[in-house]
Amino acid sequence: MLPYIDVEGLQELPLCLLGRFPDRMTDPIIDKIGKSEELFKIAPKVVQRRVWLSNPNKFQNDIIPIVKAYMNDPEIIRMSMEMSADQPTQVINQRRSHASIKKLLDFIGGDMQLYNNVMNSLRSLFVLTNDAIYCTLRYDVLMACHEANIRAITATDPSHELVWNLDACNRTLSMDERRVENIRKFFDKVARDDPVHGDIAMILNDPFTSNMIASRLLQIMIEATQTSERFGQAENTTIWTATMLNLGAHARRIVQQQKFRIPKVEANVTDKFMSTLNSYLLNDAIRILKQDSEEPYQIDEVEFTEENLVALDDSEVARKLICHYMLNKLAHMDIQALSKILPNFVASLKRNAHYDYQSEIMDSLHVTYRAFFHSFVGILLRQNQITRFLTTRKWQTTIMSEFLLPCAAIDSAAYEQVVTFLLNAFRLVASSGRAGSIGDSFSNLGRWLETLYTNRPESTISDEKNITLRATFAQIVSDAGVFSGGRYKIRQEDIPTVLPYVQPVWAENQMDTSA
């Protein structure tokens, strides 16, 4: 045993020597340091790494808090729900500079075995929870190694080439021909049943990456209509991109079952759902092209049938596509297209109602839809969209009455987003002093709140979440009675059940309200 290792005040000396001569670390010495938190904390990093390699329990105890700090960070969670990021490079840099990423790189150093142990832990936690943020962390750790030029890792991890190319695509939210060709060549080099498909699937399941691919898939379909290409002519590119998206969607099953063959996109998705969506896109293109023309034109109206919409129940490719289509139409303020597609989405959501978001194992369908509602409301709060919404009856009917309110009655994530949207929309307008037709639109605010509350999906709203939502309701009604001299005050007869719900919050917080 090392001299002075048990002498307080002199312990750093033998530990420092071990750091300089790691080949002299014997199993008894490593075991002793691993069992003493006091010794471990003052040991050089190279010594700590030897302990982690030889002591799995110590490794898990030290790695889990670092991982959890990343997973539970509200900003990381919020960014994972952005299906259409405005500033992708800023998002990536913010993620990559997270304290947990820096700690993990320091934890691993250039040790490939430790790196593999960290990756194995992330795989296990992902399988256990189906939380795609573990996929984001796996992606970020590898790219952080790339940026730190840790070649011992990047030259050995077989998925490095893929991540490097995808990172460039994510920073521009596009997939140019050169990157696509590089990614195709990468896949061509991977054997059919190679276990690396598990890591590839996790990387493609990173929410930021999967949304980038879904956005690109939609854009390919849009471009095909604009260049007069029919769906079949663009099929190879479309199916290849959809297959990448589908591979990521099956990541948990692939890793869990250790079956590494790339799954095909379901026939009902390619032959029915995507074909119908392509007809929607073609009709949109014709309508936009002809809307300013005096010449009469005719469109072959196409509707999503119940048979087509079933794809949304089982296919992440279909879900991601329809979500990105709706977000695209909202961003381009195409209310006519939204008036057709939004009711179809509500009908589909009804078949999958009342999901408990507190579930230990996340359900991909509802996680995707939660991100969609978050992103939809985010776009709706942009200046052009919120102005059009607040000044146009058609927008209020299509978006609030026929979409957001029905969704909020079905899904607790939608409910939470709609309540928060009303608070933010009201504050945005009322605090800016913008009156006239914009301010007058809030005459519906009381009725919207009453409808939200009376139809809430109560069984899936946790007690903790209900406290937050009650406070938001109280704040909206309070703000309406106070802002602009009370010009937006909600009539009591419009909120007969909301009032008793919020009054305890007013009393507890001594909130200023004349409602």
Protein backbone atom coordinates (compact mmCIF):
# COMPACT_ATOMS: atom_id res chain seq x y z
CA MET A 1 0.00 0.00 0.00
CA LEU A 2 1.14 3.57 -0.63
CA PRO A 3 2.94 5.41 2.18
CA TYR A 4 1.15 8.45 3.65
CA ILE A 5 -2.14 7.51 1.96
CA ASP A 6 -3.82 7.42 5.37
CA VAL A 7 -2.01 10.44 6.82
CA GLU A 8 -4.26 13.49 6.78
CA GLY A 9 -2.52 16.43 5.13
CA LEU A 10 -0.08 14.22 3.20
CA GLN A 11 -2.59 12.22 1.15
CA GLU A 12 -2.23 14.36 -1.95
CA LEU A 13 1.45 13.41 -2.31
CA PRO A 14 0.99 9.68 -3.07
CA LEU A 15 -2.12 10.46 -5.14
CA CYS A 16 -0.14 12.95 -7.21
CA LEU A 17 2.56 10.33 -7.77
CA LEU A 18 -0.09 7.85 -8.92
CA GLY A 19 -1.33 10.47 -11.36
CA ARG A 20 2.16 10.77 -12.84
CA PHE A 21 2.79 7.01 -12.86
CA PRO A 22 -0.66 5.44 -13.45
CA ASP A 23 0.92 2.07 -14.37
CA ARG A 24 1.77 1.66 -10.67
CA MET A 25 -1.89 1.65 -9.64
CA THR A 26 -2.69 -1.81 -8.28
CA ASP A 27 -6.17 -3.22 -7.70
CA PRO A 28 -5.96 -2.81 -3.89
CA ILE A 29 -4.97 0.86 -4.28
CA ILE A 30 -7.77 1.52 -6.78
CA ASP A 31 -10.25 -0.24 -4.50
CA LYS A 32 -9.15 1.81 -1.48
CA ILE A 33 -9.50 5.12 -3.33
CA GLY A 34 -12.89 4.10 -4.71
CA LYS A 35 -14.22 3.34 -1.23
CA SER A 36 -13.01 6.64 0.26
CA GLU A 37 -14.85 9.70 -1.02
CA GLU A 38 -12.28 11.87 0.74
CA LEU A 39 -9.40 10.30 -1.20
CA PHE A 40 -11.33 10.17 -4.45
CA LYS A 41 -12.16 13.90 -4.43
CA ILE A 42 -8.51 14.95 -4.16
CA ALA A 43 -7.18 12.33 -6.58
CA PRO A 44 -5.97 13.48 -10.04
CA LYS A 45 -8.45 12.92 -12.86
CA VAL A 46 -6.39 10.08 -14.34
CA VAL A 47 -6.69 8.23 -11.02
CA GLN A 48 -10.42 8.92 -10.81
CA ARG A 49 -10.87 7.48 -14.30
CA ARG A 50 -9.13 4.25 -13.25
CA VAL A 51 -11.52 4.03 -10.30
CA TRP A 52 -14.57 4.54 -12.54
CA LEU A 53 -13.33 1.83 -14.90
CA SER A 54 -12.86 -0.70 -12.10
CA ASN A 55 -15.86 0.25 -9.93
CA PRO A 56 -19.18 0.17 -11.86
CA ASN A 57 -21.20 1.34 -8.85
CA LYS A 58 -18.95 4.35 -8.35
CA PHE A 59 -19.18 5.06 -12.08
CA GLN A 60 -22.99 5.02 -12.01
CA ASN A 61 -23.22 7.09 -8.83
CA ASP A 62 -21.03 9.80 -10.33
CA ILE A 63 -22.36 9.80 -13.90
CA ILE A 64 -26.10 9.85 -13.19
CA PRO A 65 -26.22 13.31 -11.51
CA ILE A 66 -24.36 14.81 -14.48
CA VAL A 67 -26.76 13.22 -16.95
CA LYS A 68 -29.83 14.19 -14.91
CA ALA A 69 -28.70 17.82 -14.76
CA TYR A 70 -28.84 17.89 -18.56
CA MET A 71 -32.07 15.92 -18.85
CA ASN A 72 -33.97 17.99 -16.30
CA ASP A 73 -32.76 21.41 -17.43
CA PRO A 74 -35.91 23.41 -18.39
CA GLU A 75 -34.05 25.11 -21.25
CA ILE A 76 -32.92 21.78 -22.71
CA ILE A 77 -36.49 20.48 -22.46
CA ARG A 78 -37.89 23.64 -24.06
CA MET A 79 -35.39 23.49 -26.92
CA SER A 80 -36.24 19.83 -27.53
CA MET A 81 -39.87 20.87 -28.13
CA GLU A 82 -39.05 23.48 -30.78
CA MET A 83 -40.08 21.83 -34.02
CA SER A 84 -39.12 24.91 -36.03
CA ALA A 85 -36.17 26.73 -34.45
CA ASP A 86 -35.54 30.32 -35.54
CA GLN A 87 -31.85 30.34 -34.64
CA PRO A 88 -30.53 26.77 -34.93
CA THR A 89 -26.85 27.59 -34.45
CA GLN A 90 -27.62 29.46 -31.24
CA VAL A 91 -29.63 26.49 -29.96
CA ILE A 92 -26.83 24.05 -30.79
CA ASN A 93 -24.18 26.23 -29.16
CA GLN A 94 -26.31 26.64 -26.05
CA ARG A 95 -26.77 22.89 -25.76
CA ARG A 96 -23.12 22.16 -26.48
CA SER A 97 -21.91 24.62 -23.82
CA HIS A 98 -24.07 23.05 -21.11
CA ALA A 99 -22.21 22.33 -17.88
CA SER A 100 -23.06 18.63 -18.14
CA ILE A 101 -21.36 18.35 -21.54
CA LYS A 102 -18.20 19.92 -20.16
CA LYS A 103 -18.29 17.63 -17.11
CA LEU A 104 -18.79 14.54 -19.26
CA LEU A 105 -15.83 15.45 -21.47
CA ASP A 106 -13.71 15.96 -18.36
CA PHE A 107 -15.08 12.69 -16.99
CA ILE A 108 -14.15 10.75 -20.14
CA GLY A 109 -10.91 12.47 -21.09
CA GLY A 110 -9.69 10.52 -24.10
CA ASP A 111 -10.49 7.12 -22.62
CA MET A 112 -12.47 5.08 -25.14
CA GLN A 113 -13.58 2.54 -22.57
CA LEU A 114 -15.05 5.25 -20.34
CA TYR A 115 -16.68 6.82 -23.39
CA ASN A 116 -18.28 3.48 -24.25
CA ASN A 117 -19.46 3.07 -20.66
CA VAL A 118 -21.11 6.50 -20.79
CA MET A 119 -22.76 5.63 -24.12
CA ASN A 120 -23.99 2.31 -22.67
CA SER A 121 -25.54 4.17 -19.74
CA LEU A 122 -27.33 6.56 -22.10
CA ARG A 123 -28.65 3.63 -24.14
CA SER A 124 -29.96 1.90 -21.03
CA LEU A 125 -31.65 5.04 -19.72
CA PHE A 126 -33.18 5.72 -23.12
CA VAL A 127 -34.62 2.20 -23.32
CA LEU A 128 -35.95 2.56 -19.78
CA THR A 129 -37.75 5.88 -20.38
CA ASN A 130 -38.03 6.44 -24.17
CA ASP A 131 -36.96 10.02 -23.48
CA ALA A 132 -35.39 11.29 -26.71
CA ILE A 133 -33.29 13.87 -24.85
CA TYR A 134 -30.94 10.98 -24.01
CA CYS A 135 -30.43 10.76 -27.79
CA THR A 136 -29.65 14.48 -27.86
CA LEU A 137 -27.09 14.01 -25.10
CA ARG A 138 -25.47 11.10 -26.94
CA TYR A 139 -25.27 13.30 -30.06
CA ASP A 140 -23.90 16.31 -28.16
CA VAL A 141 -21.21 14.37 -26.30
CA LEU A 142 -19.82 13.00 -29.57
CA MET A 143 -19.91 16.40 -31.30
CA ALA A 144 -18.30 18.01 -28.25
CA CYS A 145 -15.48 15.47 -28.57
CA HIS A 146 -15.19 16.47 -32.23
CA GLU A 147 -15.03 20.17 -31.37
CA ALA A 148 -12.45 19.46 -28.65
CA ASN A 149 -10.42 17.46 -31.20
CA ILE A 150 -10.41 14.31 -29.04
CA ARG A 151 -9.37 12.02 -31.88
CA ALA A 152 -9.13 8.97 -29.66
CA ILE A 153 -12.94 9.14 -29.53
CA THR A 154 -13.92 10.54 -32.93
CA ALA A 155 -11.63 8.19 -34.86
CA THR A 156 -13.14 5.19 -33.08
CA ASP A 157 -16.87 5.92 -32.79
CA PRO A 158 -18.29 4.59 -36.09
CA SER A 159 -21.17 7.09 -36.05
CA HIS A 160 -18.90 10.15 -35.95
CA GLU A 161 -19.05 10.76 -39.71
CA LEU A 162 -22.86 10.75 -39.63
CA VAL A 163 -23.09 13.11 -36.65
CA TRP A 164 -20.58 15.51 -38.18
CA ASN A 165 -22.62 15.77 -41.40
CA LEU A 166 -25.93 16.02 -39.56
CA ASP A 167 -24.57 18.78 -37.35
CA ALA A 168 -23.84 20.88 -40.43
CA CYS A 169 -27.39 20.22 -41.66
CA ASN A 170 -28.87 21.13 -38.28
CA ARG A 171 -27.05 24.45 -38.21
CA THR A 172 -28.70 25.50 -41.48
CA LEU A 173 -31.94 23.50 -41.10
CA SER A 174 -31.31 22.09 -44.55
CA MET A 175 -29.72 19.11 -46.27
CA ASP A 176 -27.70 20.22 -49.28
CA GLU A 177 -26.69 17.77 -51.99
CA ARG A 178 -23.12 17.38 -50.72
CA ARG A 179 -24.24 16.50 -47.19
CA VAL A 180 -26.92 14.14 -48.47
CA GLU A 181 -24.34 12.38 -50.64
CA ASN A 182 -21.98 12.08 -47.65
CA ILE A 183 -24.75 10.61 -45.51
CA ARG A 184 -25.74 8.17 -48.25
CA LYS A 185 -22.12 7.02 -48.56
CA PHE A 186 -21.95 6.57 -44.79
CA PHE A 187 -24.99 4.28 -44.81
CA ASP A 188 -23.59 2.34 -47.78
CA LYS A 189 -20.53 1.47 -45.66
CA VAL A 190 -22.59 0.09 -42.75
CA ALA A 191 -23.33 -3.64 -42.97
CA ARG A 192 -26.97 -4.65 -43.04
CA ASP A 193 -27.21 -6.02 -39.49
CA ASP A 194 -24.37 -4.00 -37.95
CA PRO A 195 -25.02 -3.11 -34.27
CA VAL A 196 -23.99 0.47 -35.07
CA HIS A 197 -27.54 0.89 -36.40
CA GLY A 198 -28.61 1.19 -32.75
CA ASP A 199 -26.38 4.24 -32.26
CA ILE A 200 -27.39 5.63 -35.66
CA ALA A 201 -31.06 5.30 -34.73
CA MET A 202 -30.51 7.13 -31.43
CA ILE A 203 -28.70 9.94 -33.24
CA LEU A 204 -31.54 10.27 -35.76
CA ASN A 205 -34.03 10.25 -32.88
CA ASP A 206 -32.53 13.42 -31.39
CA PRO A 207 -35.58 15.78 -31.57
CA PHE A 208 -33.64 18.57 -33.26
CA THR A 209 -32.31 16.18 -35.91
CA SER A 210 -35.60 14.36 -36.50
CA ASN A 211 -37.44 17.66 -36.93
CA MET A 212 -34.80 18.89 -39.36
CA ILE A 213 -35.23 15.71 -41.41
CA ALA A 214 -39.04 15.95 -41.26
CA SER A 215 -38.88 19.57 -42.40
CA ARG A 216 -36.61 18.55 -45.26
CA LEU A 217 -38.96 15.71 -46.22
CA LEU A 218 -41.89 18.13 -46.42
CA GLN A 219 -39.79 20.55 -48.45
CA ILE A 220 -38.90 17.79 -50.94
CA MET A 221 -42.61 17.12 -51.43
CA ILE A 222 -43.38 20.84 -51.81
CA GLU A 223 -40.59 21.29 -54.36
CA ALA A 224 -41.92 18.34 -56.36
CA THR A 225 -45.28 20.10 -56.77
CA GLN A 226 -43.66 23.40 -57.71
CA THR A 227 -41.55 21.83 -60.44
CA SER A 228 -44.47 19.85 -61.82
CA GLU A 229 -42.89 16.61 -60.63
CA ARG A 230 -45.41 14.03 -59.57
CA PHE A 231 -44.97 12.17 -56.32
CA GLY A 232 -43.73 9.01 -58.06
CA GLN A 233 -40.93 10.83 -59.86
CA ALA A 234 -39.49 12.15 -56.61
CA GLU A 235 -40.12 8.86 -54.84
CA ASN A 236 -36.50 7.75 -54.35
CA THR A 237 -35.43 10.90 -52.53
CA THR A 238 -38.69 11.03 -50.58
CA ILE A 239 -38.54 7.41 -49.44
CA TRP A 240 -34.84 7.64 -48.52
CA THR A 241 -35.49 10.70 -46.34
CA ALA A 242 -38.58 9.10 -44.81
CA THR A 243 -36.52 5.98 -44.06
CA MET A 244 -33.98 8.05 -42.10
CA LEU A 245 -36.82 9.61 -40.11
CA ASN A 246 -38.37 6.19 -39.56
CA LEU A 247 -35.06 4.67 -38.39
CA GLY A 248 -34.82 7.29 -35.65
CA ALA A 249 -38.43 6.69 -34.65
CA HIS A 250 -37.64 2.99 -34.06
CA ALA A 251 -34.52 3.68 -31.99
CA ARG A 252 -35.86 2.35 -28.71
CA ARG A 253 -37.10 -0.90 -30.23
CA ILE A 254 -33.84 -1.44 -32.13
CA VAL A 255 -31.65 -0.88 -29.05
CA GLN A 256 -33.96 -2.82 -26.74
CA GLN A 257 -34.43 -5.87 -29.00
CA GLN A 258 -30.92 -5.76 -30.50
CA LYS A 259 -32.39 -6.23 -33.99
CA PHE A 260 -30.30 -3.95 -36.14
CA ARG A 261 -31.98 -4.11 -39.55
CA ILE A 262 -33.27 -0.77 -40.90
CA PRO A 263 -37.10 -0.83 -40.75
CA LYS A 264 -39.08 0.05 -43.85
CA VAL A 265 -41.62 2.87 -43.80
CA GLU A 266 -45.08 1.31 -43.56
CA ALA A 267 -46.95 0.93 -46.86
CA ASN A 268 -50.03 2.77 -45.55
CA VAL A 269 -47.77 5.77 -44.87
CA THR A 270 -46.11 5.91 -48.29
CA ASP A 271 -48.99 4.69 -50.45
CA LYS A 272 -51.90 6.41 -48.72
CA PHE A 273 -50.94 9.07 -46.18
CA MET A 274 -48.04 10.67 -48.05
CA SER A 275 -49.88 10.40 -51.36
CA THR A 276 -52.87 12.27 -49.89
CA LEU A 277 -50.61 14.88 -48.32
CA ASN A 278 -48.92 15.34 -51.67
CA SER A 279 -52.34 16.07 -53.22
CA TYR A 280 -52.92 18.66 -50.49
CA LEU A 281 -49.59 20.28 -51.34
CA LEU A 282 -50.39 20.29 -55.05
CA ASN A 283 -53.79 21.91 -54.43
CA ASP A 284 -52.16 24.50 -52.15
CA ALA A 285 -49.66 25.35 -54.88
CA ILE A 286 -52.38 25.71 -57.54
CA ARG A 287 -54.58 27.83 -55.27
CA ILE A 288 -51.73 30.19 -54.34
CA LEU A 289 -50.66 30.46 -57.98
CA LYS A 290 -54.18 31.23 -59.22
CA GLN A 291 -55.59 33.28 -56.33
CA ASP A 292 -54.70 36.64 -57.90
CA SER A 293 -55.81 35.57 -61.36
CA GLU A 294 -59.22 36.42 -62.77
CA GLU A 295 -59.26 33.20 -64.74
CA PRO A 296 -61.47 30.48 -63.26
CA TYR A 297 -59.68 27.37 -62.04
CA GLN A 298 -60.69 24.03 -60.62
CA ILE A 299 -59.03 21.92 -57.96
CA ASP A 300 -59.66 18.23 -57.42
CA GLU A 301 -60.59 18.35 -53.76
CA VAL A 302 -58.88 15.67 -51.69
CA GLU A 303 -59.66 14.80 -48.08
CA PHE A 304 -57.84 12.69 -45.52
CA THR A 305 -60.04 9.67 -44.95
CA GLU A 306 -60.28 7.71 -41.73
CA GLU A 307 -58.15 5.04 -43.42
CA ASN A 308 -55.41 7.59 -44.17
CA LEU A 309 -55.47 9.14 -40.71
CA VAL A 310 -54.91 5.78 -39.00
CA ALA A 311 -51.27 6.20 -40.03
CA LEU A 312 -50.99 8.95 -37.41
CA ASP A 313 -51.70 6.41 -34.66
CA ASP A 314 -48.70 4.22 -35.44
CA SER A 315 -46.22 6.10 -37.64
CA GLU A 316 -43.89 8.80 -36.39
CA VAL A 317 -43.12 9.65 -40.02
CA ALA A 318 -46.79 10.49 -40.63
CA ARG A 319 -47.07 12.43 -37.37
CA LYS A 320 -43.95 14.48 -37.98
CA LEU A 321 -45.03 15.23 -41.55
CA ILE A 322 -48.52 16.43 -40.68
CA CYS A 323 -47.19 18.53 -37.79
CA HIS A 324 -44.61 20.21 -40.01
CA TYR A 325 -47.24 20.75 -42.71
CA MET A 326 -49.51 22.55 -40.23
CA LEU A 327 -46.62 24.62 -38.85
CA ASN A 328 -45.57 25.53 -42.39
CA LYS A 329 -49.08 26.71 -43.25
CA LEU A 330 -49.31 28.78 -40.07
CA ALA A 331 -45.91 30.34 -40.73
CA HIS A 332 -47.08 31.26 -44.25
CA MET A 333 -50.46 32.43 -42.88
CA ASP A 334 -52.40 30.09 -45.18
CA ILE A 335 -55.66 29.98 -43.25
CA GLN A 336 -57.50 28.21 -46.07
CA ALA A 337 -55.13 25.25 -45.92
CA LEU A 338 -55.33 25.24 -42.12
CA SER A 339 -59.14 25.23 -42.21
CA LYS A 340 -58.95 21.94 -44.13
CA ILE A 341 -56.25 20.11 -42.21
CA LEU A 342 -56.81 21.16 -38.57
CA PRO A 343 -60.19 19.40 -38.13
CA ASN A 344 -58.60 16.20 -39.47
CA PHE A 345 -55.91 16.45 -36.83
CA VAL A 346 -58.52 16.94 -34.08
CA ALA A 347 -60.35 13.82 -35.26
CA SER A 348 -57.12 11.83 -35.08
CA LEU A 349 -56.27 13.18 -31.63
CA LYS A 350 -59.62 12.00 -30.27
CA ARG A 351 -58.61 8.40 -30.91
CA ASN A 352 -55.59 8.81 -28.63
CA ALA A 353 -57.09 10.90 -25.84
CA HIS A 354 -56.26 11.23 -22.16
CA TYR A 355 -52.55 10.43 -22.05
CA ASP A 356 -50.80 10.85 -18.71
CA TYR A 357 -47.69 12.97 -19.34
CA GLN A 358 -46.35 11.88 -15.94
CA SER A 359 -45.90 8.33 -17.25
CA GLU A 360 -42.47 6.83 -16.57
CA ILE A 361 -42.18 5.60 -20.16
CA MET A 362 -42.81 8.36 -22.67
CA ASP A 363 -45.23 7.75 -25.51
CA SER A 364 -43.79 8.97 -28.81
CA LEU A 365 -47.16 10.04 -30.21
CA HIS A 366 -47.99 12.39 -27.37
CA VAL A 367 -44.44 13.66 -26.98
CA THR A 368 -44.50 14.68 -30.65
CA TYR A 369 -47.89 16.32 -30.26
CA ARG A 370 -46.78 18.17 -27.12
CA ALA A 371 -43.87 19.60 -29.11
CA PHE A 372 -46.27 20.46 -31.93
CA PHE A 373 -48.66 22.41 -29.69
CA HIS A 374 -45.70 24.25 -28.15
CA SER A 375 -44.37 25.15 -31.60
CA PHE A 376 -47.79 26.05 -33.05
CA VAL A 377 -48.49 28.50 -30.24
CA GLY A 378 -44.97 29.92 -30.58
CA ILE A 379 -45.57 30.74 -34.26
CA LEU A 380 -49.06 32.07 -33.50
CA LEU A 381 -47.54 34.60 -31.08
CA ARG A 382 -45.34 36.11 -33.80
CA GLN A 383 -46.34 39.66 -34.72
CA ASN A 384 -47.91 38.97 -38.13
CA GLN A 385 -49.75 35.85 -37.00
CA ILE A 386 -51.11 37.25 -33.72
CA THR A 387 -52.28 40.43 -35.45
CA ARG A 388 -54.13 38.42 -38.10
CA PHE A 389 -55.58 36.12 -35.45
CA LEU A 390 -56.86 38.99 -33.33
CA THR A 391 -58.30 41.00 -36.20
CA THR A 392 -59.86 38.29 -38.38
CA ARG A 393 -62.95 36.29 -37.44
CA LYS A 394 -61.98 33.51 -39.87
CA TRP A 395 -58.68 33.04 -38.03
CA GLN A 396 -60.34 32.98 -34.61
CA THR A 397 -62.92 30.46 -35.78
CA THR A 398 -60.44 28.18 -37.56
CA ILE A 399 -57.66 28.29 -35.00
CA MET A 400 -59.37 28.80 -31.65
CA SER A 401 -62.94 27.49 -31.99
CA GLU A 402 -62.29 24.58 -34.35
CA PHE A 403 -58.78 23.59 -33.31
CA LEU A 404 -57.16 24.80 -30.09
CA LEU A 405 -60.25 24.55 -27.88
CA PRO A 406 -61.21 21.04 -29.09
CA CYS A 407 -57.58 19.87 -28.71
CA ALA A 408 -57.39 21.36 -25.22
CA ALA A 409 -60.44 19.32 -24.22
CA ILE A 410 -58.66 16.13 -25.29
CA ASP A 411 -54.97 16.56 -24.46
CA SER A 412 -53.52 18.08 -21.28
CA ALA A 413 -50.41 19.36 -23.11
CA ALA A 414 -52.64 21.22 -25.57
CA TYR A 415 -54.71 22.52 -22.66
CA GLU A 416 -51.64 23.91 -20.93
CA GLN A 417 -50.34 25.54 -24.12
CA VAL A 418 -53.69 27.19 -24.95
CA VAL A 419 -54.08 28.64 -21.45
CA THR A 420 -50.53 30.02 -21.59
CA PHE A 421 -51.15 31.34 -25.11
CA LEU A 422 -54.15 33.38 -23.94
CA LEU A 423 -52.09 34.92 -21.13
CA ASN A 424 -49.21 35.81 -23.45
CA ALA A 425 -51.45 37.04 -26.27
CA PHE A 426 -53.44 39.28 -23.95
CA ARG A 427 -50.35 40.73 -22.30
CA LEU A 428 -48.69 41.26 -25.68
CA VAL A 429 -51.59 43.37 -26.92
CA ALA A 430 -52.81 45.03 -23.73
CA SER A 431 -49.38 46.12 -22.53
CA SER A 432 -48.50 47.56 -25.95
CA GLY A 433 -51.50 49.87 -25.94
CA ARG A 434 -52.69 48.55 -29.30
CA ALA A 435 -56.43 49.09 -29.31
CA GLY A 436 -59.08 49.23 -32.01
CA SER A 437 -60.02 45.97 -33.69
CA ILE A 438 -57.13 44.13 -32.00
CA GLY A 439 -58.23 45.04 -28.51
CA ASP A 440 -61.89 44.45 -29.33
CA SER A 441 -61.13 40.84 -30.23
CA PHE A 442 -60.65 40.10 -26.53
CA SER A 443 -64.39 40.34 -26.08
CA ASN A 444 -64.20 36.55 -26.66
CA LEU A 445 -61.60 36.04 -23.91
CA GLY A 446 -64.11 35.20 -21.19
CA ARG A 447 -65.95 32.67 -23.35
CA TRP A 448 -62.68 31.04 -24.37
CA LEU A 449 -61.59 30.72 -20.73
CA GLU A 450 -64.95 29.30 -19.69
CA THR A 451 -64.88 26.74 -22.51
CA LEU A 452 -61.32 25.76 -21.62
CA TYR A 453 -62.11 25.26 -17.96
CA THR A 454 -65.43 23.42 -18.31
CA ASN A 455 -64.04 21.01 -20.94
CA ARG A 456 -60.58 20.46 -19.42
CA PRO A 457 -59.13 16.90 -19.55
CA GLU A 458 -59.17 16.78 -15.75
CA SER A 459 -58.17 13.13 -15.35
CA THR A 460 -54.75 13.72 -16.93
CA ILE A 461 -53.88 16.99 -15.17
CA SER A 462 -51.70 16.39 -12.10
CA ASP A 463 -52.34 18.26 -8.86
CA GLU A 464 -49.04 20.09 -9.26
CA LYS A 465 -49.88 21.14 -12.82
CA ASN A 466 -53.37 22.21 -11.75
CA ILE A 467 -51.86 24.66 -9.25
CA THR A 468 -49.85 26.29 -12.05
CA LEU A 469 -52.82 26.37 -14.43
CA ARG A 470 -55.12 27.85 -11.79
CA ALA A 471 -52.58 30.62 -11.21
CA THR A 472 -52.47 31.31 -14.97
CA PHE A 473 -56.27 31.51 -15.18
CA ALA A 474 -56.27 33.88 -12.21
CA GLN A 475 -53.60 36.06 -13.81
CA ILE A 476 -55.50 36.33 -17.11
CA VAL A 477 -58.76 37.39 -15.46
CA SER A 478 -56.87 39.76 -13.15
CA ASP A 479 -54.93 41.35 -16.01
CA ALA A 480 -58.14 41.81 -17.99
CA GLY A 481 -59.64 43.78 -15.12
CA VAL A 482 -56.57 45.96 -14.58
CA PHE A 483 -54.86 46.65 -17.93
CA SER A 484 -55.83 49.78 -19.89
CA GLY A 485 -58.11 51.04 -17.16
CA GLY A 486 -60.21 47.90 -17.22
CA ARG A 487 -61.32 48.24 -20.85
CA TYR A 488 -60.85 44.49 -21.34
CA LYS A 489 -62.61 43.49 -18.12
CA ILE A 490 -64.31 40.10 -18.43
CA ARG A 491 -68.01 40.00 -17.58
CA GLN A 492 -68.82 37.73 -14.67
CA GLU A 493 -71.65 36.08 -16.61
CA ASP A 494 -69.07 34.93 -19.19
CA ILE A 495 -67.01 32.99 -16.62
CA PRO A 496 -69.47 31.50 -14.08
CA THR A 497 -67.29 28.44 -13.31
CA VAL A 498 -63.90 30.10 -13.80
CA LEU A 499 -64.54 32.74 -11.12
CA PRO A 500 -64.82 30.36 -8.14
CA TYR A 501 -61.80 28.47 -9.54
CA VAL A 502 -59.54 31.54 -9.47
CA GLN A 503 -60.85 33.51 -6.49
CA PRO A 504 -58.80 31.53 -3.90
CA VAL A 505 -55.64 32.47 -5.83
CA TRP A 506 -56.60 36.15 -5.77
CA ALA A 507 -57.21 35.99 -2.03
CA GLU A 508 -53.99 34.11 -1.29
CA ASN A 509 -51.82 36.43 -3.39
CA GLN A 510 -53.79 39.64 -2.78
CA MET A 511 -53.99 40.16 -6.54
CA ASP A 512 -55.36 43.43 -7.89
CA THR A 513 -58.59 42.72 -9.76
CA SER A 514 -61.97 44.30 -10.15
CA ALA A 515 -63.46 41.31 -11.93
